[in-house]
Amino acid sequence: MTKLQIRAFLYQLGCFAILFVSARYLVERYTGLTDLWIPLTAFVVGTILSPKFKAIKTQDGEKLYMKWVFTKDVKEIG
């Protein structure tokens, strides 16, 4: 794995973790769900809302891109 692939993985993991913990707290606090349904719902919400990062080799070298559900286009990072 290249440096940018590792960075993309860490960005994606970090964003998912933040959204998962936030969604888990909100689901636990404000819904009537219990047991396994709390982390399962938080997992689905985190997976859907988390941005996707990918390192792609181009003619100019390897670049890092991000796609998010709230934006229409793919954005180049760094």
PDB file of N, CA and C in Angstrom:
ATOM      1  N   MET A   1       0.841  -1.185   0.000  1.00  0.00           N
ATOM      2  CA  MET A   1       0.000   0.000   0.000  1.00  0.00           C
ATOM      3  C   MET A   1       0.890   1.254   0.000  1.00  0.00           C
ATOM      4  N   THR A   2       0.464   2.233  -0.753  1.00  0.00           N
ATOM      5  CA  THR A   2       1.210   3.479  -0.818  1.00  0.00           C
ATOM      6  C   THR A   2       0.795   4.407   0.323  1.00  0.00           C
ATOM      7  N   LYS A   3       1.534   5.499   0.469  1.00  0.00           N
ATOM      8  CA  LYS A   3       1.236   6.466   1.532  1.00  0.00           C
ATOM      9  C   LYS A   3      -0.166   7.055   1.385  1.00  0.00           C
ATOM     10  N   LEU A   4      -0.544   7.372   0.141  1.00  0.00           N
ATOM     11  CA  LEU A   4      -1.871   7.965  -0.066  1.00  0.00           C
ATOM     12  C   LEU A   4      -2.993   6.961   0.178  1.00  0.00           C
ATOM     13  N   GLN A   5      -2.766   5.703  -0.128  1.00  0.00           N
ATOM     14  CA  GLN A   5      -3.770   4.684   0.159  1.00  0.00           C
ATOM     15  C   GLN A   5      -3.961   4.524   1.660  1.00  0.00           C
ATOM     16  N   ILE A   6      -2.869   4.575   2.403  1.00  0.00           N
ATOM     17  CA  ILE A   6      -2.954   4.492   3.863  1.00  0.00           C
ATOM     18  C   ILE A   6      -3.663   5.725   4.417  1.00  0.00           C
ATOM     19  N   ARG A   7      -3.325   6.905   3.874  1.00  0.00           N
ATOM     20  CA  ARG A   7      -3.977   8.138   4.315  1.00  0.00           C
ATOM     21  C   ARG A   7      -5.483   8.096   4.011  1.00  0.00           C
ATOM     22  N   ALA A   8      -5.855   7.589   2.837  1.00  0.00           N
ATOM     23  CA  ALA A   8      -7.271   7.469   2.475  1.00  0.00           C
ATOM     24  C   ALA A   8      -7.985   6.526   3.443  1.00  0.00           C
ATOM     25  N   PHE A   9      -7.354   5.412   3.765  1.00  0.00           N
ATOM     26  CA  PHE A   9      -7.942   4.464   4.711  1.00  0.00           C
ATOM     27  C   PHE A   9      -8.130   5.095   6.088  1.00  0.00           C
ATOM     28  N   LEU A  10      -7.125   5.830   6.562  1.00  0.00           N
ATOM     29  CA  LEU A  10      -7.219   6.459   7.880  1.00  0.00           C
ATOM     30  C   LEU A  10      -8.270   7.566   7.907  1.00  0.00           C
ATOM     31  N   TYR A  11      -8.355   8.352   6.835  1.00  0.00           N
ATOM     32  CA  TYR A  11      -9.397   9.379   6.756  1.00  0.00           C
ATOM     33  C   TYR A  11     -10.784   8.745   6.789  1.00  0.00           C
ATOM     34  N   GLN A  12     -10.965   7.703   6.006  1.00  0.00           N
ATOM     35  CA  GLN A  12     -12.264   7.033   5.949  1.00  0.00           C
ATOM     36  C   GLN A  12     -12.608   6.404   7.297  1.00  0.00           C
ATOM     37  N   LEU A  13     -11.639   5.782   7.935  1.00  0.00           N
ATOM     38  CA  LEU A  13     -11.865   5.179   9.245  1.00  0.00           C
ATOM     39  C   LEU A  13     -12.202   6.231  10.287  1.00  0.00           C
ATOM     40  N   GLY A  14     -11.460   7.345  10.272  1.00  0.00           N
ATOM     41  CA  GLY A  14     -11.714   8.414  11.229  1.00  0.00           C
ATOM     42  C   GLY A  14     -13.089   9.039  11.060  1.00  0.00           C
ATOM     43  N   CYS A  15     -13.466   9.323   9.821  1.00  0.00           N
ATOM     44  CA  CYS A  15     -14.794   9.899   9.570  1.00  0.00           C
ATOM     45  C   CYS A  15     -15.895   8.940   9.985  1.00  0.00           C
ATOM     46  N   PHE A  16     -15.731   7.665   9.653  1.00  0.00           N
ATOM     47  CA  PHE A  16     -16.735   6.680  10.048  1.00  0.00           C
ATOM     48  C   PHE A  16     -16.823   6.581  11.568  1.00  0.00           C
ATOM     49  N   ALA A  17     -15.697   6.576  12.246  1.00  0.00           N
ATOM     50  CA  ALA A  17     -15.698   6.451  13.708  1.00  0.00           C
ATOM     51  C   ALA A  17     -16.416   7.627  14.361  1.00  0.00           C
ATOM     52  N   ILE A  18     -16.149   8.837  13.879  1.00  0.00           N
ATOM     53  CA  ILE A  18     -16.817  10.017  14.433  1.00  0.00           C
ATOM     54  C   ILE A  18     -18.320   9.941  14.212  1.00  0.00           C
ATOM     55  N   LEU A  19     -18.730   9.572  13.005  1.00  0.00           N
ATOM     56  CA  LEU A  19     -20.160   9.478  12.719  1.00  0.00           C
ATOM     57  C   LEU A  19     -20.817   8.324  13.468  1.00  0.00           C
ATOM     58  N   PHE A  20     -20.109   7.203  13.605  1.00  0.00           N
ATOM     59  CA  PHE A  20     -20.660   6.058  14.321  1.00  0.00           C
ATOM     60  C   PHE A  20     -20.894   6.388  15.792  1.00  0.00           C
ATOM     61  N   VAL A  21     -19.902   6.981  16.442  1.00  0.00           N
ATOM     62  CA  VAL A  21     -20.040   7.323  17.859  1.00  0.00           C
ATOM     63  C   VAL A  21     -21.145   8.357  18.060  1.00  0.00           C
ATOM     64  N   SER A  22     -21.193   9.358  17.174  1.00  0.00           N
ATOM     65  CA  SER A  22     -22.236  10.376  17.268  1.00  0.00           C
ATOM     66  C   SER A  22     -23.622   9.770  17.058  1.00  0.00           C
ATOM     67  N   ALA A  23     -23.755   8.938  16.038  1.00  0.00           N
ATOM     68  CA  ALA A  23     -25.050   8.312  15.752  1.00  0.00           C
ATOM     69  C   ALA A  23     -25.449   7.359  16.875  1.00  0.00           C
ATOM     70  N   ARG A  24     -24.499   6.644  17.422  1.00  0.00           N
ATOM     71  CA  ARG A  24     -24.810   5.721  18.519  1.00  0.00           C
ATOM     72  C   ARG A  24     -25.337   6.483  19.731  1.00  0.00           C
ATOM     73  N   TYR A  25     -24.691   7.594  20.058  1.00  0.00           N
ATOM     74  CA  TYR A  25     -25.155   8.407  21.185  1.00  0.00           C
ATOM     75  C   TYR A  25     -26.563   8.941  20.921  1.00  0.00           C
ATOM     76  N   LEU A  26     -26.793   9.477  19.736  1.00  0.00           N
ATOM     77  CA  LEU A  26     -28.099  10.048  19.418  1.00  0.00           C
ATOM     78  C   LEU A  26     -29.201   8.984  19.388  1.00  0.00           C
ATOM     79  N   VAL A  27     -28.892   7.833  18.821  1.00  0.00           N
ATOM     80  CA  VAL A  27     -29.883   6.751  18.763  1.00  0.00           C
ATOM     81  C   VAL A  27     -30.201   6.250  20.165  1.00  0.00           C
ATOM     82  N   GLU A  28     -29.173   6.073  20.972  1.00  0.00           N
ATOM     83  CA  GLU A  28     -29.384   5.585  22.335  1.00  0.00           C
ATOM     84  C   GLU A  28     -30.163   6.594  23.174  1.00  0.00           C
ATOM     85  N   ARG A  29     -29.877   7.855  22.971  1.00  0.00           N
ATOM     86  CA  ARG A  29     -30.473   8.911  23.798  1.00  0.00           C
ATOM     87  C   ARG A  29     -31.906   9.243  23.386  1.00  0.00           C
ATOM     88  N   TYR A  30     -32.172   9.289  22.080  1.00  0.00           N
ATOM     89  CA  TYR A  30     -33.440   9.842  21.602  1.00  0.00           C
ATOM     90  C   TYR A  30     -34.395   8.851  20.945  1.00  0.00           C
ATOM     91  N   THR A  31     -34.059   7.581  20.910  1.00  0.00           N
ATOM     92  CA  THR A  31     -34.999   6.595  20.361  1.00  0.00           C
ATOM     93  C   THR A  31     -35.265   5.526  21.414  1.00  0.00           C
ATOM     94  N   GLY A  32     -36.224   4.705  21.131  1.00  0.00           N
ATOM     95  CA  GLY A  32     -36.570   3.630  22.050  1.00  0.00           C
ATOM     96  C   GLY A  32     -35.910   2.306  21.699  1.00  0.00           C
ATOM     97  N   LEU A  33     -34.893   2.339  20.860  1.00  0.00           N
ATOM     98  CA  LEU A  33     -34.228   1.097  20.463  1.00  0.00           C
ATOM     99  C   LEU A  33     -33.395   0.542  21.615  1.00  0.00           C
ATOM    100  N   THR A  34     -33.258  -0.774  21.638  1.00  0.00           N
ATOM    101  CA  THR A  34     -32.504  -1.433  22.701  1.00  0.00           C
ATOM    102  C   THR A  34     -31.582  -2.497  22.103  1.00  0.00           C
ATOM    103  N   ASP A  35     -30.693  -2.997  22.933  1.00  0.00           N
ATOM    104  CA  ASP A  35     -29.803  -4.122  22.642  1.00  0.00           C
ATOM    105  C   ASP A  35     -29.010  -3.932  21.353  1.00  0.00           C
ATOM    106  N   LEU A  36     -29.112  -4.885  20.440  1.00  0.00           N
ATOM    107  CA  LEU A  36     -28.315  -4.908  19.221  1.00  0.00           C
ATOM    108  C   LEU A  36     -28.735  -3.836  18.214  1.00  0.00           C
ATOM    109  N   TRP A  37     -29.935  -3.331  18.315  1.00  0.00           N
ATOM    110  CA  TRP A  37     -30.441  -2.362  17.345  1.00  0.00           C
ATOM    111  C   TRP A  37     -29.718  -1.021  17.421  1.00  0.00           C
ATOM    112  N   ILE A  38     -29.201  -0.655  18.580  1.00  0.00           N
ATOM    113  CA  ILE A  38     -28.500   0.632  18.728  1.00  0.00           C
ATOM    114  C   ILE A  38     -27.226   0.657  17.886  1.00  0.00           C
ATOM    115  N   PRO A  39     -26.270  -0.272  18.062  1.00  0.00           N
ATOM    116  CA  PRO A  39     -25.065  -0.218  17.225  1.00  0.00           C
ATOM    117  C   PRO A  39     -25.338  -0.541  15.755  1.00  0.00           C
ATOM    118  N   LEU A  40     -26.340  -1.375  15.484  1.00  0.00           N
ATOM    119  CA  LEU A  40     -26.671  -1.703  14.103  1.00  0.00           C
ATOM    120  C   LEU A  40     -27.178  -0.464  13.366  1.00  0.00           C
ATOM    121  N   THR A  41     -28.050   0.295  14.000  1.00  0.00           N
ATOM    122  CA  THR A  41     -28.556   1.530  13.399  1.00  0.00           C
ATOM    123  C   THR A  41     -27.435   2.550  13.240  1.00  0.00           C
ATOM    124  N   ALA A  42     -26.579   2.670  14.243  1.00  0.00           N
ATOM    125  CA  ALA A  42     -25.454   3.599  14.166  1.00  0.00           C
ATOM    126  C   ALA A  42     -24.491   3.193  13.048  1.00  0.00           C
ATOM    127  N   PHE A  43     -24.280   1.898  12.850  1.00  0.00           N
ATOM    128  CA  PHE A  43     -23.416   1.414  11.786  1.00  0.00           C
ATOM    129  C   PHE A  43     -23.969   1.787  10.412  1.00  0.00           C
ATOM    130  N   VAL A  44     -25.254   1.596  10.211  1.00  0.00           N
ATOM    131  CA  VAL A  44     -25.873   1.921   8.926  1.00  0.00           C
ATOM    132  C   VAL A  44     -25.806   3.426   8.663  1.00  0.00           C
ATOM    133  N   VAL A  45     -26.121   4.220   9.670  1.00  0.00           N
ATOM    134  CA  VAL A  45     -26.060   5.681   9.518  1.00  0.00           C
ATOM    135  C   VAL A  45     -24.626   6.126   9.235  1.00  0.00           C
ATOM    136  N   GLY A  46     -23.667   5.603   9.968  1.00  0.00           N
ATOM    137  CA  GLY A  46     -22.268   5.955   9.752  1.00  0.00           C
ATOM    138  C   GLY A  46     -21.764   5.550   8.378  1.00  0.00           C
ATOM    139  N   THR A  47     -22.174   4.402   7.906  1.00  0.00           N
ATOM    140  CA  THR A  47     -21.761   3.922   6.595  1.00  0.00           C
ATOM    141  C   THR A  47     -22.333   4.788   5.477  1.00  0.00           C
ATOM    142  N   ILE A  48     -23.583   5.166   5.598  1.00  0.00           N
ATOM    143  CA  ILE A  48     -24.227   5.971   4.553  1.00  0.00           C
ATOM    144  C   ILE A  48     -23.694   7.401   4.535  1.00  0.00           C
ATOM    145  N   LEU A  49     -23.506   8.006   5.699  1.00  0.00           N
ATOM    146  CA  LEU A  49     -23.130   9.414   5.764  1.00  0.00           C
ATOM    147  C   LEU A  49     -21.629   9.680   5.672  1.00  0.00           C
ATOM    148  N   SER A  50     -20.814   8.674   5.859  1.00  0.00           N
ATOM    149  CA  SER A  50     -19.368   8.864   5.853  1.00  0.00           C
ATOM    150  C   SER A  50     -18.850   9.126   4.436  1.00  0.00           C
ATOM    151  N   PRO A  51     -17.939  10.101   4.275  1.00  0.00           N
ATOM    152  CA  PRO A  51     -17.356  10.325   2.945  1.00  0.00           C
ATOM    153  C   PRO A  51     -16.434   9.172   2.551  1.00  0.00           C
ATOM    154  N   LYS A  52     -16.319   8.970   1.256  1.00  0.00           N
ATOM    155  CA  LYS A  52     -15.473   7.907   0.721  1.00  0.00           C
ATOM    156  C   LYS A  52     -14.188   8.528   0.164  1.00  0.00           C
ATOM    157  N   PHE A  53     -13.049   8.023   0.578  1.00  0.00           N
ATOM    158  CA  PHE A  53     -11.746   8.510   0.138  1.00  0.00           C
ATOM    159  C   PHE A  53     -11.084   7.437  -0.718  1.00  0.00           C
ATOM    160  N   LYS A  54     -10.374   7.868  -1.762  1.00  0.00           N
ATOM    161  CA  LYS A  54      -9.707   6.911  -2.634  1.00  0.00           C
ATOM    162  C   LYS A  54      -8.451   7.536  -3.232  1.00  0.00           C
ATOM    163  N   ALA A  55      -7.373   6.764  -3.253  1.00  0.00           N
ATOM    164  CA  ALA A  55      -6.121   7.183  -3.886  1.00  0.00           C
ATOM    165  C   ALA A  55      -6.086   6.584  -5.292  1.00  0.00           C
ATOM    166  N   ILE A  56      -5.945   7.459  -6.285  1.00  0.00           N
ATOM    167  CA  ILE A  56      -5.976   7.023  -7.681  1.00  0.00           C
ATOM    168  C   ILE A  56      -4.709   7.490  -8.387  1.00  0.00           C
ATOM    169  N   LYS A  57      -4.129   6.589  -9.172  1.00  0.00           N
ATOM    170  CA  LYS A  57      -2.950   6.941  -9.960  1.00  0.00           C
ATOM    171  C   LYS A  57      -3.401   7.657 -11.228  1.00  0.00           C
ATOM    172  N   THR A  58      -2.854   8.851 -11.462  1.00  0.00           N
ATOM    173  CA  THR A  58      -3.155   9.635 -12.654  1.00  0.00           C
ATOM    174  C   THR A  58      -1.851   9.881 -13.412  1.00  0.00           C
ATOM    175  N   GLN A  59      -1.940  10.641 -14.493  1.00  0.00           N
ATOM    176  CA  GLN A  59      -0.753  10.966 -15.267  1.00  0.00           C
ATOM    177  C   GLN A  59       0.197  11.861 -14.478  1.00  0.00           C
ATOM    178  N   ASP A  60      -0.351  12.660 -13.570  1.00  0.00           N
ATOM    179  CA  ASP A  60       0.459  13.561 -12.751  1.00  0.00           C
ATOM    180  C   ASP A  60       0.990  12.900 -11.487  1.00  0.00           C
ATOM    181  N   GLY A  61       0.710  11.647 -11.293  1.00  0.00           N
ATOM    182  CA  GLY A  61       1.103  10.928 -10.083  1.00  0.00           C
ATOM    183  C   GLY A  61      -0.135  10.486  -9.326  1.00  0.00           C
ATOM    184  N   GLU A  62       0.071  10.004  -8.138  1.00  0.00           N
ATOM    185  CA  GLU A  62      -1.050   9.515  -7.338  1.00  0.00           C
ATOM    186  C   GLU A  62      -1.723  10.680  -6.617  1.00  0.00           C
ATOM    187  N   LYS A  63      -3.065  10.695  -6.637  1.00  0.00           N
ATOM    188  CA  LYS A  63      -3.830  11.767  -6.002  1.00  0.00           C
ATOM    189  C   LYS A  63      -4.924  11.175  -5.130  1.00  0.00           C
ATOM    190  N   LEU A  64      -5.327  11.962  -4.135  1.00  0.00           N
ATOM    191  CA  LEU A  64      -6.344  11.542  -3.182  1.00  0.00           C
ATOM    192  C   LEU A  64      -7.643  12.255  -3.509  1.00  0.00           C
ATOM    193  N   TYR A  65      -8.743  11.493  -3.633  1.00  0.00           N
ATOM    194  CA  TYR A  65     -10.049  12.043  -3.965  1.00  0.00           C
ATOM    195  C   TYR A  65     -11.069  11.678  -2.895  1.00  0.00           C
ATOM    196  N   MET A  66     -12.107  12.527  -2.791  1.00  0.00           N
ATOM    197  CA  MET A  66     -13.167  12.303  -1.815  1.00  0.00           C
ATOM    198  C   MET A  66     -14.521  12.450  -2.498  1.00  0.00           C
ATOM    199  N   LYS A  67     -15.434  11.547  -2.182  1.00  0.00           N
ATOM    200  CA  LYS A  67     -16.823  11.609  -2.648  1.00  0.00           C
ATOM    201  C   LYS A  67     -17.698  11.533  -1.418  1.00  0.00           C
ATOM    202  N   TRP A  68     -18.685  12.442  -1.357  1.00  0.00           N
ATOM    203  CA  TRP A  68     -19.569  12.484  -0.197  1.00  0.00           C
ATOM    204  C   TRP A  68     -20.999  12.577  -0.658  1.00  0.00           C
ATOM    205  N   VAL A  69     -21.915  12.054   0.125  1.00  0.00           N
ATOM    206  CA  VAL A  69     -23.323  12.026  -0.232  1.00  0.00           C
ATOM    207  C   VAL A  69     -23.904  13.445  -0.329  1.00  0.00           C
ATOM    208  N   PHE A  70     -23.312  14.418   0.352  1.00  0.00           N
ATOM    209  CA  PHE A  70     -23.832  15.780   0.355  1.00  0.00           C
ATOM    210  C   PHE A  70     -23.242  16.660  -0.746  1.00  0.00           C
ATOM    211  N   THR A  71     -22.304  16.154  -1.507  1.00  0.00           N
ATOM    212  CA  THR A  71     -21.735  16.906  -2.629  1.00  0.00           C
ATOM    213  C   THR A  71     -21.977  16.145  -3.923  1.00  0.00           C
ATOM    214  N   LYS A  72     -22.109  16.889  -5.011  1.00  0.00           N
ATOM    215  CA  LYS A  72     -22.394  16.255  -6.298  1.00  0.00           C
ATOM    216  C   LYS A  72     -21.142  15.693  -6.960  1.00  0.00           C
ATOM    217  N   ASP A  73     -20.041  16.391  -6.819  1.00  0.00           N
ATOM    218  CA  ASP A  73     -18.845  16.007  -7.560  1.00  0.00           C
ATOM    219  C   ASP A  73     -17.790  15.373  -6.650  1.00  0.00           C
ATOM    220  N   VAL A  74     -16.783  14.831  -7.297  1.00  0.00           N
ATOM    221  CA  VAL A  74     -15.642  14.252  -6.587  1.00  0.00           C
ATOM    222  C   VAL A  74     -14.629  15.365  -6.391  1.00  0.00           C
ATOM    223  N   LYS A  75     -14.103  15.486  -5.170  1.00  0.00           N
ATOM    224  CA  LYS A  75     -13.155  16.548  -4.867  1.00  0.00           C
ATOM    225  C   LYS A  75     -11.750  15.976  -4.664  1.00  0.00           C
ATOM    226  N   GLU A  76     -10.788  16.711  -5.182  1.00  0.00           N
ATOM    227  CA  GLU A  76      -9.395  16.312  -4.985  1.00  0.00           C
ATOM    228  C   GLU A  76      -8.913  16.872  -3.649  1.00  0.00           C
ATOM    229  N   ILE A  77      -8.296  16.020  -2.846  1.00  0.00           N
ATOM    230  CA  ILE A  77      -7.762  16.418  -1.531  1.00  0.00           C
ATOM    231  C   ILE A  77      -6.248  16.503  -1.653  1.00  0.00           C
ATOM    232  N   GLY A  78      -5.687  17.611  -1.247  1.00  0.00           N
ATOM    233  CA  GLY A  78      -4.223  17.783  -1.195  1.00  0.00           C
ATOM    234  C   GLY A  78      -3.562  17.555  -2.479  1.00  0.00           C
TER     235      GLY A  78
END
